Amino acid sequence: MSLRQQLARSALYRALKLRNEFGIAVNQVFDVFDFATNSGVEVRFVDIPSFEAMYIQDGQPRILVSSHRPMARQTFDCAHELGHHVFGHGSKIDDQINSEAGRGRFDPQEYLADRFASYLLMPKTLVAHAFHIRGWAIADCSPGMLFTIAGWLGVGYTTLIHQMAMSLCILSRKKADALLQASPKEIRMDLVSQSVTGHLVVVDFHWKDRAIDAQVGDYIMLPQGVQCEGSSLTLEPQRHEGGAVYRANVPGVGRFLHVASEWCSYVRVCRRGYVGRSIFRHLEDPEHE
């Protein structure tokens, strides 16, 4: 067994073990920032554009995440730094994560943290479950389907493709290459039928276990008949087949609900480029109260 295989196996074991310790099923999604906080590691967003994230171990473990990265990137970065914590690597600063080629050399600790983050957020059972509950076949999935599931998992579209093809081996390389040809703009246009200028989160009735997270300026696509409670979001003129699109306008917490199916989910909006402790990122802006 090669060193990489040994590290990947260790990362998988520790990721699943940690999920089990905190009562998170292998087919359940969760918010990694809240998870890290609950496991005793404080998470802060910092105004430092020159790096991705940092783990500090000086008695009180902390994870610092750059506020200049997209939310999906921040999610993976936080999970990566949590890997450094779990494996006792000591303080680490990462200017590039999940990009071994960018580092110029193989670093076992960074590779281990990458694999840990991938298995923590995207274990094989969870990814397969995401397709199964929606009645979608992985071999025939469209860019829109994969984009929907990536949003549900809280990870990036490209990140999920690489995980499925290279680590989980449930997506053929040919299919992965075809999916990678689709740009986020093209996918948004296909899903909404009109141009949206910000990030798009696709929500369906399978969105459970965690809140819908968005940043100011993001768009949320919802099924037909869903109502919105709260003042953080507004209904947009863009519509998709059978549903509606909301735009996140100000920080705060609201709720989406569908009376007929008894489905509901909280939605949390934070400032774009938010700086501060992760537990306070969704506090309402006093100027808009």
Protein backbone atom coordinates (compact mmCIF):
# COMPACT_ATOMS: atom_id res chain seq x y z
CA MET A 1 0.00 0.00 0.00
CA SER A 2 1.40 3.41 -1.01
CA LEU A 3 1.81 6.30 1.41
CA ARG A 4 -1.06 8.18 -0.24
CA GLN A 5 -3.34 5.17 0.16
CA GLN A 6 -2.37 4.84 3.81
CA LEU A 7 -3.06 8.53 4.43
CA ALA A 8 -6.39 8.38 2.59
CA ARG A 9 -7.46 5.36 4.62
CA SER A 10 -6.50 7.09 7.87
CA ALA A 11 -8.37 10.24 6.81
CA LEU A 12 -11.50 8.25 5.99
CA TYR A 13 -11.42 6.41 9.30
CA ARG A 14 -10.99 9.58 11.37
CA ALA A 15 -13.65 11.51 9.41
CA LEU A 16 -16.26 8.80 9.90
CA LYS A 17 -15.23 8.32 13.52
CA LEU A 18 -15.67 12.03 14.22
CA ARG A 19 -19.10 12.03 12.58
CA ASN A 20 -20.09 9.10 14.77
CA GLU A 21 -18.79 10.75 17.95
CA PHE A 22 -21.02 13.78 17.35
CA GLY A 23 -24.07 11.77 16.29
CA ILE A 24 -23.97 12.75 12.62
CA ALA A 25 -25.06 9.89 10.40
CA VAL A 26 -22.97 9.02 7.38
CA ASN A 27 -25.90 10.03 5.13
CA GLN A 28 -26.51 13.35 6.89
CA VAL A 29 -25.34 16.84 5.90
CA PHE A 30 -24.20 19.39 8.47
CA ASP A 31 -22.71 22.87 8.83
CA VAL A 32 -18.95 22.53 9.28
CA PHE A 33 -18.50 25.90 11.03
CA ASP A 34 -21.04 24.98 13.71
CA PHE A 35 -19.55 21.49 13.88
CA ALA A 36 -16.03 22.81 14.50
CA THR A 37 -17.31 25.19 17.18
CA ASN A 38 -19.22 22.40 18.92
CA SER A 39 -16.10 20.25 18.89
CA GLY A 40 -14.18 22.93 20.80
CA VAL A 41 -12.46 24.79 17.95
CA GLU A 42 -13.40 28.46 17.55
CA VAL A 43 -13.85 29.60 13.94
CA ARG A 44 -13.23 33.18 12.85
CA PHE A 45 -13.48 34.87 9.46
CA VAL A 46 -10.61 37.29 8.88
CA ASP A 47 -9.92 40.09 6.38
CA ILE A 48 -6.75 38.58 4.92
CA PRO A 49 -6.95 38.07 1.15
CA SER A 50 -3.46 36.58 0.83
CA PHE A 51 -4.25 33.18 2.36
CA GLU A 52 -6.96 30.53 2.48
CA ALA A 53 -7.09 29.54 6.13
CA MET A 54 -5.05 28.88 9.25
CA TYR A 55 -5.13 26.56 12.24
CA ILE A 56 -3.75 27.90 15.50
CA GLN A 57 -2.94 25.65 18.45
CA ASP A 58 -1.76 27.75 21.37
CA GLY A 59 -3.87 26.33 24.17
CA GLN A 60 -7.19 27.43 22.69
CA PRO A 61 -7.53 25.89 19.20
CA ARG A 62 -8.78 28.29 16.53
CA ILE A 63 -9.45 28.19 12.81
CA LEU A 64 -9.09 31.37 10.79
CA VAL A 65 -10.80 31.45 7.39
CA SER A 66 -10.31 34.18 4.79
CA SER A 67 -13.45 36.28 4.34
CA HIS A 68 -12.48 36.82 0.69
CA ARG A 69 -13.30 33.28 -0.45
CA PRO A 70 -16.65 31.95 -1.75
CA MET A 71 -18.76 30.15 0.85
CA ALA A 72 -18.12 26.68 -0.61
CA ARG A 73 -14.39 27.36 -0.50
CA GLN A 74 -14.64 28.54 3.10
CA THR A 75 -16.48 25.35 4.00
CA PHE A 76 -13.76 23.11 2.61
CA ASP A 77 -11.03 25.29 4.11
CA CYS A 78 -12.60 25.01 7.56
CA ALA A 79 -12.86 21.22 7.24
CA HIS A 80 -9.23 21.08 6.10
CA GLU A 81 -8.02 23.05 9.13
CA LEU A 82 -10.18 20.87 11.37
CA GLY A 83 -8.20 17.95 9.93
CA HIS A 84 -4.97 19.55 11.15
CA HIS A 85 -6.59 19.78 14.59
CA VAL A 86 -7.82 16.20 14.64
CA PHE A 87 -4.43 14.80 13.61
CA GLY A 88 -2.48 17.01 16.01
CA HIS A 89 -0.40 18.73 13.35
CA GLY A 90 0.09 21.91 15.35
CA SER A 91 -0.35 25.43 14.00
CA LYS A 92 -0.61 25.60 10.20
CA ILE A 93 -1.09 28.38 7.65
CA ASP A 94 -2.40 27.41 4.23
CA ASP A 95 -2.15 29.76 1.27
CA GLN A 96 -3.41 27.01 -1.04
CA ILE A 97 -5.68 24.15 -0.12
CA ASN A 98 -6.62 21.09 -2.17
CA SER A 99 -4.02 22.02 -4.78
CA GLU A 100 -1.04 19.76 -4.39
CA ALA A 101 0.45 20.89 -7.69
CA GLY A 102 0.37 24.47 -6.48
CA ARG A 103 2.57 23.58 -3.51
CA GLY A 104 5.31 22.18 -5.71
CA ARG A 105 5.94 19.13 -3.51
CA PHE A 106 4.03 16.41 -1.72
CA ASP A 107 3.25 17.28 1.90
CA PRO A 108 1.81 14.30 3.83
CA GLN A 109 0.13 16.49 6.46
CA GLU A 110 -1.56 18.70 3.86
CA TYR A 111 -2.63 15.67 1.84
CA LEU A 112 -4.05 14.07 4.99
CA ALA A 113 -6.00 17.23 5.87
CA ASP A 114 -7.33 17.43 2.29
CA ARG A 115 -8.52 13.84 2.36
CA PHE A 116 -10.04 14.28 5.81
CA ALA A 117 -12.02 17.32 4.65
CA SER A 118 -13.26 15.49 1.56
CA TYR A 119 -14.40 12.42 3.50
CA LEU A 120 -15.92 14.47 6.29
CA LEU A 121 -18.04 16.56 3.90
CA MET A 122 -18.53 14.07 1.06
CA PRO A 123 -18.35 10.44 2.24
CA LYS A 124 -19.41 7.88 -0.35
CA THR A 125 -22.61 6.90 1.43
CA LEU A 126 -23.76 10.52 1.68
CA VAL A 127 -23.05 11.32 -1.97
CA ALA A 128 -24.81 8.16 -3.14
CA HIS A 129 -27.72 8.96 -0.80
CA ALA A 130 -28.03 12.45 -2.29
CA PHE A 131 -28.64 11.00 -5.74
CA HIS A 132 -30.81 8.12 -4.52
CA ILE A 133 -33.37 10.21 -2.61
CA ARG A 134 -33.83 12.40 -5.68
CA GLY A 135 -34.22 9.45 -8.02
CA TRP A 136 -31.17 10.45 -10.08
CA ALA A 137 -28.64 8.07 -11.59
CA ILE A 138 -25.03 9.12 -11.06
CA ALA A 139 -23.97 7.83 -14.48
CA ASP A 140 -26.57 10.00 -16.20
CA CYS A 141 -26.43 13.10 -14.01
CA SER A 142 -26.59 16.51 -15.66
CA PRO A 143 -24.60 19.59 -14.62
CA GLY A 144 -27.76 20.97 -13.00
CA MET A 145 -28.24 17.84 -10.91
CA LEU A 146 -24.65 17.84 -9.70
CA PHE A 147 -24.81 21.58 -9.04
CA THR A 148 -27.92 21.01 -6.88
CA ILE A 149 -26.25 18.29 -4.83
CA ALA A 150 -23.03 20.28 -4.42
CA GLY A 151 -25.07 23.13 -2.93
CA TRP A 152 -26.89 20.71 -0.63
CA LEU A 153 -23.54 19.37 0.59
CA GLY A 154 -22.15 22.89 0.94
CA VAL A 155 -19.20 22.25 -1.39
CA GLY A 156 -18.10 23.52 -4.77
CA TYR A 157 -19.30 22.01 -8.06
CA THR A 158 -15.78 21.16 -9.23
CA THR A 159 -14.78 19.87 -5.79
CA LEU A 160 -17.66 17.38 -5.79
CA ILE A 161 -16.82 16.14 -9.31
CA HIS A 162 -13.20 15.44 -8.37
CA GLN A 163 -14.27 13.69 -5.16
CA MET A 164 -16.72 11.44 -6.99
CA ALA A 165 -14.33 10.58 -9.82
CA MET A 166 -10.92 10.39 -8.14
CA SER A 167 -11.59 9.45 -4.49
CA LEU A 168 -14.94 7.68 -4.38
CA CYS A 169 -14.68 6.15 -7.87
CA ILE A 170 -18.43 6.40 -8.48
CA LEU A 171 -18.17 8.71 -11.51
CA SER A 172 -16.30 7.80 -14.68
CA ARG A 173 -13.43 10.01 -15.79
CA LYS A 174 -15.17 10.59 -19.13
CA LYS A 175 -18.35 11.75 -17.41
CA ALA A 176 -16.37 13.93 -15.00
CA ASP A 177 -14.57 15.65 -17.88
CA ALA A 178 -17.91 16.32 -19.58
CA LEU A 179 -19.40 17.81 -16.41
CA LEU A 180 -16.34 20.02 -15.91
CA GLN A 181 -16.98 21.63 -19.29
CA ALA A 182 -20.11 23.33 -17.93
CA SER A 183 -19.47 26.76 -16.42
CA PRO A 184 -21.36 28.06 -13.36
CA LYS A 185 -22.92 30.78 -15.52
CA GLU A 186 -24.20 28.22 -18.02
CA ILE A 187 -25.63 26.07 -15.24
CA ARG A 188 -27.41 29.03 -13.63
CA MET A 189 -28.87 30.05 -16.99
CA ASP A 190 -30.10 26.52 -17.60
CA LEU A 191 -31.70 26.25 -14.16
CA VAL A 192 -33.30 29.69 -13.89
CA SER A 193 -33.72 30.46 -17.60
CA GLN A 194 -32.63 34.04 -16.90
CA SER A 195 -29.32 35.53 -15.90
CA VAL A 196 -28.59 35.89 -12.19
CA THR A 197 -25.54 37.89 -11.23
CA GLY A 198 -24.72 36.19 -7.91
CA HIS A 199 -24.19 32.71 -6.57
CA LEU A 200 -27.22 30.42 -6.88
CA VAL A 201 -28.32 27.90 -4.24
CA VAL A 202 -30.81 25.30 -5.47
CA VAL A 203 -33.16 24.08 -2.75
CA ASP A 204 -35.56 21.15 -2.99
CA PHE A 205 -37.74 19.26 -0.50
CA HIS A 206 -34.81 16.97 0.34
CA TRP A 207 -33.00 19.87 2.00
CA LYS A 208 -33.06 18.77 5.63
CA ASP A 209 -30.75 18.45 8.64
CA ARG A 210 -29.12 21.87 8.24
CA ALA A 211 -30.16 25.43 7.50
CA ILE A 212 -29.89 27.01 4.06
CA ASP A 213 -26.90 29.34 4.18
CA ALA A 214 -26.40 32.29 1.84
CA GLN A 215 -24.48 35.52 1.63
CA VAL A 216 -25.95 38.92 0.77
CA GLY A 217 -26.34 39.03 -3.00
CA ASP A 218 -26.89 35.27 -3.41
CA TYR A 219 -29.98 33.80 -5.05
CA ILE A 220 -32.00 30.85 -3.75
CA MET A 221 -34.10 28.76 -6.12
CA LEU A 222 -37.13 27.08 -4.52
CA PRO A 223 -39.95 24.71 -5.52
CA GLN A 224 -43.44 25.95 -6.30
CA GLY A 225 -45.62 26.91 -3.35
CA VAL A 226 -42.82 27.66 -0.91
CA GLN A 227 -43.44 30.70 1.30
CA CYS A 228 -40.80 32.89 2.90
CA GLU A 229 -40.88 34.23 6.45
CA GLY A 230 -38.48 36.98 7.49
CA SER A 231 -37.10 40.20 6.04
CA SER A 232 -33.70 39.03 4.82
CA LEU A 233 -34.89 37.85 1.41
CA THR A 234 -37.04 39.24 -1.40
CA LEU A 235 -38.85 37.53 -4.24
CA GLU A 236 -37.18 38.12 -7.60
CA PRO A 237 -38.87 38.46 -11.01
CA GLN A 238 -36.77 35.55 -12.29
CA ARG A 239 -38.71 32.33 -12.16
CA HIS A 240 -37.94 28.76 -13.07
CA GLU A 241 -40.29 26.02 -14.15
CA GLY A 242 -42.60 25.37 -11.23
CA GLY A 243 -41.03 27.66 -8.66
CA ALA A 244 -39.49 30.97 -7.65
CA VAL A 245 -36.18 32.69 -6.93
CA TYR A 246 -35.39 34.75 -3.84
CA ARG A 247 -32.47 37.11 -3.34
CA ALA A 248 -30.61 37.45 -0.04
CA ASN A 249 -30.54 41.17 0.77
CA VAL A 250 -29.57 41.70 4.41
CA PRO A 251 -28.12 39.53 7.21
CA GLY A 252 -30.56 37.65 9.39
CA VAL A 253 -32.46 34.41 9.88
CA GLY A 254 -35.70 33.49 8.16
CA ARG A 255 -37.65 30.43 7.20
CA PHE A 256 -38.97 28.77 4.06
CA LEU A 257 -42.03 26.56 4.37
CA HIS A 258 -44.33 24.54 2.17
CA VAL A 259 -47.66 24.03 3.90
CA ALA A 260 -48.94 21.19 1.71
CA SER A 261 -45.94 18.93 2.32
CA GLU A 262 -45.15 20.22 5.83
CA TRP A 263 -41.59 20.88 4.66
CA CYS A 264 -39.68 23.79 6.15
CA SER A 265 -36.11 24.95 6.49
CA TYR A 266 -34.41 27.87 8.17
CA VAL A 267 -32.41 30.19 5.97
CA ARG A 268 -29.45 32.16 7.34
CA VAL A 269 -27.98 35.14 5.53
CA CYS A 270 -24.60 36.64 6.40
CA ARG A 271 -22.76 39.67 5.06
CA ARG A 272 -20.55 39.10 2.06
CA GLY A 273 -16.98 39.36 3.30
CA TYR A 274 -18.11 38.97 6.91
CA VAL A 275 -15.31 39.37 9.47
CA GLY A 276 -15.69 38.02 13.01
CA ARG A 277 -16.59 34.88 14.95
CA SER A 278 -18.56 32.35 12.94
CA ILE A 279 -21.27 32.06 15.60
CA PHE A 280 -22.24 35.71 15.01
CA ARG A 281 -22.20 35.71 11.20
CA HIS A 282 -25.99 35.72 10.80
CA LEU A 283 -26.85 38.49 13.23
CA GLU A 284 -29.20 41.06 11.76
CA ASP A 285 -27.78 44.39 10.67
CA PRO A 286 -29.07 47.09 13.11
CA GLU A 287 -29.41 49.51 10.20
CA HIS A 288 -32.14 47.32 8.72
CA GLU A 289 -34.09 46.50 11.86
